[in-house]
Amino acid sequence: MSMVIRRFFQFIISLGVCLLAGYIGSAYAIPMIPSWFASLQKPDFTPPLSSLVPIGTLIYVVLGLVLYLIWQADLKKKDTTICFYLFITGLVLNVLWIYVFFGLQSPFTAFITMIMLLAILVSMIYQCFRVSILACLLLVPYLIFAIIIAIINFDILMMNPNLPLLVI
């Protein structure tokens, strides 16, 4: 298989894995947005509900590009392997946050999950700097978005005191 064809398939697989993660998360989120999520008290700076799907799709496309860039680096090198595992862990935590927040309707547990995701993201950005500067730079807007979501998550938790604290 030629190098170009191999890279094309790696790009498609990287994009597909991340879009699949987004699709799995959306299966929990989309049904809850017009009902449960709409009923919550939210901070004024919460993005409009109509923007969530396009923003989410863009994030997963960018994550697909980041995964592709990590894959293009030498996975036999320790720095690249660490970056890859941080990425996969972050992607799993991303989907887990959506499931816990929307599926289980537990902003408190989701906030704890988001704190773990933020720690992984910061570690991943640091590690990606050693592997791919472009991947590192592409992760910065995702980190900013995740911080905003964490703040919204926390505000929802504070503004809706009747929500269950812990759902397992």
C-alpha atoms as a PDB file:
ATOM      1  CA  MET A   1       0.000   0.000   0.000  1.00  0.00           C
ATOM      2  CA  SER A   2       1.413   3.382  -0.921  1.00  0.00           C
ATOM      3  CA  MET A   3       2.235   5.934   1.755  1.00  0.00           C
ATOM      4  CA  VAL A   4      -0.451   8.329   0.453  1.00  0.00           C
ATOM      5  CA  ILE A   5      -3.189   5.690   0.584  1.00  0.00           C
ATOM      6  CA  ARG A   6      -2.053   4.554   4.043  1.00  0.00           C
ATOM      7  CA  ARG A   7      -2.151   8.125   5.358  1.00  0.00           C
ATOM      8  CA  PHE A   8      -5.548   8.695   3.775  1.00  0.00           C
ATOM      9  CA  PHE A   9      -6.940   5.634   5.587  1.00  0.00           C
ATOM     10  CA  GLN A  10      -5.302   6.745   8.832  1.00  0.00           C
ATOM     11  CA  PHE A  11      -6.954  10.137   8.452  1.00  0.00           C
ATOM     12  CA  ILE A  12     -10.374   8.577   7.754  1.00  0.00           C
ATOM     13  CA  ILE A  13     -10.010   6.211  10.724  1.00  0.00           C
ATOM     14  CA  SER A  14      -8.888   9.064  13.025  1.00  0.00           C
ATOM     15  CA  LEU A  15     -11.792  11.218  11.934  1.00  0.00           C
ATOM     16  CA  GLY A  16     -14.207   8.289  12.176  1.00  0.00           C
ATOM     17  CA  VAL A  17     -13.156   7.354  15.710  1.00  0.00           C
ATOM     18  CA  CYS A  18     -13.671  10.900  16.960  1.00  0.00           C
ATOM     19  CA  LEU A  19     -16.956  11.437  15.112  1.00  0.00           C
ATOM     20  CA  LEU A  20     -18.166   8.091  16.482  1.00  0.00           C
ATOM     21  CA  ALA A  21     -17.354   9.312  20.001  1.00  0.00           C
ATOM     22  CA  GLY A  22     -19.372  12.455  19.281  1.00  0.00           C
ATOM     23  CA  TYR A  23     -22.241  10.396  17.915  1.00  0.00           C
ATOM     24  CA  ILE A  24     -22.284   8.178  21.009  1.00  0.00           C
ATOM     25  CA  GLY A  25     -22.341  11.248  23.236  1.00  0.00           C
ATOM     26  CA  SER A  26     -25.085  12.873  21.189  1.00  0.00           C
ATOM     27  CA  ALA A  27     -27.261   9.802  21.651  1.00  0.00           C
ATOM     28  CA  TYR A  28     -27.408  10.715  25.357  1.00  0.00           C
ATOM     29  CA  ALA A  29     -27.484  14.493  24.958  1.00  0.00           C
ATOM     30  CA  ILE A  30     -29.895  15.234  22.120  1.00  0.00           C
ATOM     31  CA  PRO A  31     -32.981  13.576  23.685  1.00  0.00           C
ATOM     32  CA  MET A  32     -32.370  15.426  26.969  1.00  0.00           C
ATOM     33  CA  ILE A  33     -31.763  18.915  25.552  1.00  0.00           C
ATOM     34  CA  PRO A  34     -35.397  19.915  24.861  1.00  0.00           C
ATOM     35  CA  SER A  35     -36.685  18.384  28.093  1.00  0.00           C
ATOM     36  CA  TRP A  36     -34.358  17.978  31.071  1.00  0.00           C
ATOM     37  CA  PHE A  37     -31.623  20.416  30.003  1.00  0.00           C
ATOM     38  CA  ALA A  38     -34.154  23.064  28.913  1.00  0.00           C
ATOM     39  CA  SER A  39     -35.794  22.889  32.360  1.00  0.00           C
ATOM     40  CA  LEU A  40     -32.562  23.714  34.228  1.00  0.00           C
ATOM     41  CA  GLN A  41     -31.546  27.129  35.453  1.00  0.00           C
ATOM     42  CA  LYS A  42     -28.456  28.035  33.413  1.00  0.00           C
ATOM     43  CA  PRO A  43     -25.984  30.925  33.413  1.00  0.00           C
ATOM     44  CA  ASP A  44     -26.664  33.691  30.896  1.00  0.00           C
ATOM     45  CA  PHE A  45     -23.530  32.858  28.898  1.00  0.00           C
ATOM     46  CA  THR A  46     -24.714  29.310  28.087  1.00  0.00           C
ATOM     47  CA  PRO A  47     -24.500  28.899  24.306  1.00  0.00           C
ATOM     48  CA  PRO A  48     -27.835  28.672  22.504  1.00  0.00           C
ATOM     49  CA  LEU A  49     -29.065  25.109  22.198  1.00  0.00           C
ATOM     50  CA  SER A  50     -29.017  25.378  18.398  1.00  0.00           C
ATOM     51  CA  SER A  51     -25.239  25.905  18.470  1.00  0.00           C
ATOM     52  CA  LEU A  52     -24.387  22.772  20.447  1.00  0.00           C
ATOM     53  CA  VAL A  53     -24.484  20.294  17.540  1.00  0.00           C
ATOM     54  CA  PRO A  54     -22.365  22.415  15.134  1.00  0.00           C
ATOM     55  CA  ILE A  55     -19.851  23.266  17.878  1.00  0.00           C
ATOM     56  CA  GLY A  56     -19.657  19.628  18.951  1.00  0.00           C
ATOM     57  CA  THR A  57     -19.193  18.426  15.379  1.00  0.00           C
ATOM     58  CA  LEU A  58     -16.390  20.932  14.807  1.00  0.00           C
ATOM     59  CA  ILE A  59     -14.684  19.817  18.015  1.00  0.00           C
ATOM     60  CA  TYR A  60     -14.799  16.144  17.016  1.00  0.00           C
ATOM     61  CA  VAL A  61     -13.461  16.939  13.530  1.00  0.00           C
ATOM     62  CA  VAL A  62     -10.559  18.867  15.090  1.00  0.00           C
ATOM     63  CA  LEU A  63      -9.965  15.992  17.511  1.00  0.00           C
ATOM     64  CA  GLY A  64      -9.868  13.643  14.519  1.00  0.00           C
ATOM     65  CA  LEU A  65      -7.148  15.811  12.995  1.00  0.00           C
ATOM     66  CA  VAL A  66      -5.233  15.782  16.300  1.00  0.00           C
ATOM     67  CA  LEU A  67      -5.473  11.993  16.485  1.00  0.00           C
ATOM     68  CA  TYR A  68      -4.230  11.760  12.892  1.00  0.00           C
ATOM     69  CA  LEU A  69      -1.252  14.025  13.681  1.00  0.00           C
ATOM     70  CA  ILE A  70      -0.381  11.909  16.714  1.00  0.00           C
ATOM     71  CA  TRP A  71      -0.663   8.765  14.580  1.00  0.00           C
ATOM     72  CA  GLN A  72       1.673  10.286  11.988  1.00  0.00           C
ATOM     73  CA  ALA A  73       4.344  10.694  14.629  1.00  0.00           C
ATOM     74  CA  ASP A  74       6.367   7.622  15.514  1.00  0.00           C
ATOM     75  CA  LEU A  75       4.126   5.576  17.846  1.00  0.00           C
ATOM     76  CA  LYS A  76       7.194   3.587  18.878  1.00  0.00           C
ATOM     77  CA  LYS A  77       8.560   6.647  20.670  1.00  0.00           C
ATOM     78  CA  LYS A  78       7.640   7.002  24.328  1.00  0.00           C
ATOM     79  CA  ASP A  79       6.452  10.637  23.993  1.00  0.00           C
ATOM     80  CA  THR A  80       4.111   9.732  21.141  1.00  0.00           C
ATOM     81  CA  THR A  81       2.746   6.683  22.952  1.00  0.00           C
ATOM     82  CA  ILE A  82       2.022   8.761  26.059  1.00  0.00           C
ATOM     83  CA  CYS A  83       0.333  11.394  23.893  1.00  0.00           C
ATOM     84  CA  PHE A  84      -1.781   8.719  22.185  1.00  0.00           C
ATOM     85  CA  TYR A  85      -2.959   7.214  25.487  1.00  0.00           C
ATOM     86  CA  LEU A  86      -3.727  10.656  26.916  1.00  0.00           C
ATOM     87  CA  PHE A  87      -5.766  11.398  23.791  1.00  0.00           C
ATOM     88  CA  ILE A  88      -7.769   8.162  24.053  1.00  0.00           C
ATOM     89  CA  THR A  89      -8.340   8.757  27.782  1.00  0.00           C
ATOM     90  CA  GLY A  90      -9.507  12.304  27.056  1.00  0.00           C
ATOM     91  CA  LEU A  91     -11.879  11.114  24.341  1.00  0.00           C
ATOM     92  CA  VAL A  92     -13.369   8.514  26.702  1.00  0.00           C
ATOM     93  CA  LEU A  93     -13.772  11.143  29.445  1.00  0.00           C
ATOM     94  CA  ASN A  94     -15.418  13.469  26.936  1.00  0.00           C
ATOM     95  CA  VAL A  95     -18.075  10.862  26.108  1.00  0.00           C
ATOM     96  CA  LEU A  96     -18.367   9.897  29.782  1.00  0.00           C
ATOM     97  CA  TRP A  97     -19.050  13.525  30.729  1.00  0.00           C
ATOM     98  CA  ILE A  98     -21.899  13.701  28.200  1.00  0.00           C
ATOM     99  CA  TYR A  99     -23.325  10.426  29.463  1.00  0.00           C
ATOM    100  CA  VAL A 100     -23.105  11.439  33.127  1.00  0.00           C
ATOM    101  CA  PHE A 101     -24.403  14.985  32.594  1.00  0.00           C
ATOM    102  CA  PHE A 102     -27.235  14.231  30.175  1.00  0.00           C
ATOM    103  CA  GLY A 103     -27.815  10.474  30.461  1.00  0.00           C
ATOM    104  CA  LEU A 104     -27.623  10.210  34.242  1.00  0.00           C
ATOM    105  CA  GLN A 105     -28.682  13.841  34.737  1.00  0.00           C
ATOM    106  CA  SER A 106     -26.000  14.349  37.351  1.00  0.00           C
ATOM    107  CA  PRO A 107     -24.202  17.690  37.023  1.00  0.00           C
ATOM    108  CA  PHE A 108     -22.158  17.016  40.182  1.00  0.00           C
ATOM    109  CA  THR A 109     -20.715  13.720  38.954  1.00  0.00           C
ATOM    110  CA  ALA A 110     -20.299  15.288  35.507  1.00  0.00           C
ATOM    111  CA  PHE A 111     -18.342  18.180  37.042  1.00  0.00           C
ATOM    112  CA  ILE A 112     -15.936  15.734  38.686  1.00  0.00           C
ATOM    113  CA  THR A 113     -15.587  13.984  35.325  1.00  0.00           C
ATOM    114  CA  MET A 114     -14.922  17.351  33.668  1.00  0.00           C
ATOM    115  CA  ILE A 115     -12.159  18.148  36.172  1.00  0.00           C
ATOM    116  CA  MET A 116     -10.502  14.846  35.222  1.00  0.00           C
ATOM    117  CA  LEU A 117     -10.931  15.690  31.526  1.00  0.00           C
ATOM    118  CA  LEU A 118      -9.341  19.115  32.037  1.00  0.00           C
ATOM    119  CA  ALA A 119      -6.356  17.531  33.800  1.00  0.00           C
ATOM    120  CA  ILE A 120      -5.933  15.077  30.915  1.00  0.00           C
ATOM    121  CA  LEU A 121      -6.271  17.899  28.364  1.00  0.00           C
ATOM    122  CA  VAL A 122      -3.574  20.001  30.006  1.00  0.00           C
ATOM    123  CA  SER A 123      -1.310  16.946  30.176  1.00  0.00           C
ATOM    124  CA  MET A 124      -2.100  16.106  26.563  1.00  0.00           C
ATOM    125  CA  ILE A 125      -1.288  19.628  25.366  1.00  0.00           C
ATOM    126  CA  TYR A 126       2.020  19.495  27.210  1.00  0.00           C
ATOM    127  CA  GLN A 127       2.800  16.064  25.783  1.00  0.00           C
ATOM    128  CA  CYS A 128       1.649  16.964  22.247  1.00  0.00           C
ATOM    129  CA  PHE A 129       4.110  19.849  22.275  1.00  0.00           C
ATOM    130  CA  ARG A 130       6.815  17.165  22.161  1.00  0.00           C
ATOM    131  CA  VAL A 131       5.088  15.229  19.369  1.00  0.00           C
ATOM    132  CA  SER A 132       3.313  17.713  17.093  1.00  0.00           C
ATOM    133  CA  ILE A 133       3.188  21.478  17.553  1.00  0.00           C
ATOM    134  CA  LEU A 134       0.141  21.633  15.258  1.00  0.00           C
ATOM    135  CA  ALA A 135      -1.715  19.035  17.366  1.00  0.00           C
ATOM    136  CA  CYS A 136      -0.792  21.002  20.470  1.00  0.00           C
ATOM    137  CA  LEU A 137      -2.163  24.237  18.981  1.00  0.00           C
ATOM    138  CA  LEU A 138      -5.354  22.535  17.772  1.00  0.00           C
ATOM    139  CA  LEU A 139      -6.043  21.343  21.323  1.00  0.00           C
ATOM    140  CA  VAL A 140      -5.954  24.846  22.839  1.00  0.00           C
ATOM    141  CA  PRO A 141      -9.440  25.919  21.596  1.00  0.00           C
ATOM    142  CA  TYR A 142     -10.795  22.574  22.799  1.00  0.00           C
ATOM    143  CA  LEU A 143      -9.301  23.239  26.236  1.00  0.00           C
ATOM    144  CA  ILE A 144     -10.879  26.711  26.302  1.00  0.00           C
ATOM    145  CA  PHE A 145     -14.245  25.246  25.291  1.00  0.00           C
ATOM    146  CA  ALA A 146     -13.920  22.537  27.965  1.00  0.00           C
ATOM    147  CA  ILE A 147     -13.167  25.196  30.606  1.00  0.00           C
ATOM    148  CA  ILE A 148     -16.296  27.112  29.560  1.00  0.00           C
ATOM    149  CA  ILE A 149     -18.352  23.901  29.740  1.00  0.00           C
ATOM    150  CA  ALA A 150     -16.886  23.182  33.198  1.00  0.00           C
ATOM    151  CA  ILE A 151     -17.927  26.651  34.378  1.00  0.00           C
ATOM    152  CA  ILE A 152     -21.426  26.208  32.939  1.00  0.00           C
ATOM    153  CA  ASN A 153     -21.607  22.744  34.532  1.00  0.00           C
ATOM    154  CA  PHE A 154     -20.607  24.200  37.905  1.00  0.00           C
ATOM    155  CA  ASP A 155     -23.075  27.094  37.588  1.00  0.00           C
ATOM    156  CA  ILE A 156     -25.890  24.679  36.706  1.00  0.00           C
ATOM    157  CA  LEU A 157     -24.986  22.664  39.780  1.00  0.00           C
ATOM    158  CA  MET A 158     -25.145  25.781  41.963  1.00  0.00           C
ATOM    159  CA  MET A 159     -28.303  27.194  40.344  1.00  0.00           C
ATOM    160  CA  ASN A 160     -30.254  23.923  40.646  1.00  0.00           C
ATOM    161  CA  PRO A 161     -29.834  22.777  44.260  1.00  0.00           C
ATOM    162  CA  ASN A 162     -32.554  20.118  43.989  1.00  0.00           C
ATOM    163  CA  LEU A 163     -30.546  17.982  41.570  1.00  0.00           C
ATOM    164  CA  PRO A 164     -29.088  14.764  43.005  1.00  0.00           C
ATOM    165  CA  LEU A 165     -25.471  15.215  44.059  1.00  0.00           C
ATOM    166  CA  LEU A 166     -24.153  11.811  43.148  1.00  0.00           C
ATOM    167  CA  VAL A 167     -25.536   9.342  40.643  1.00  0.00           C
ATOM    168  CA  ILE A 168     -23.665   6.114  40.063  1.00  0.00           C
END
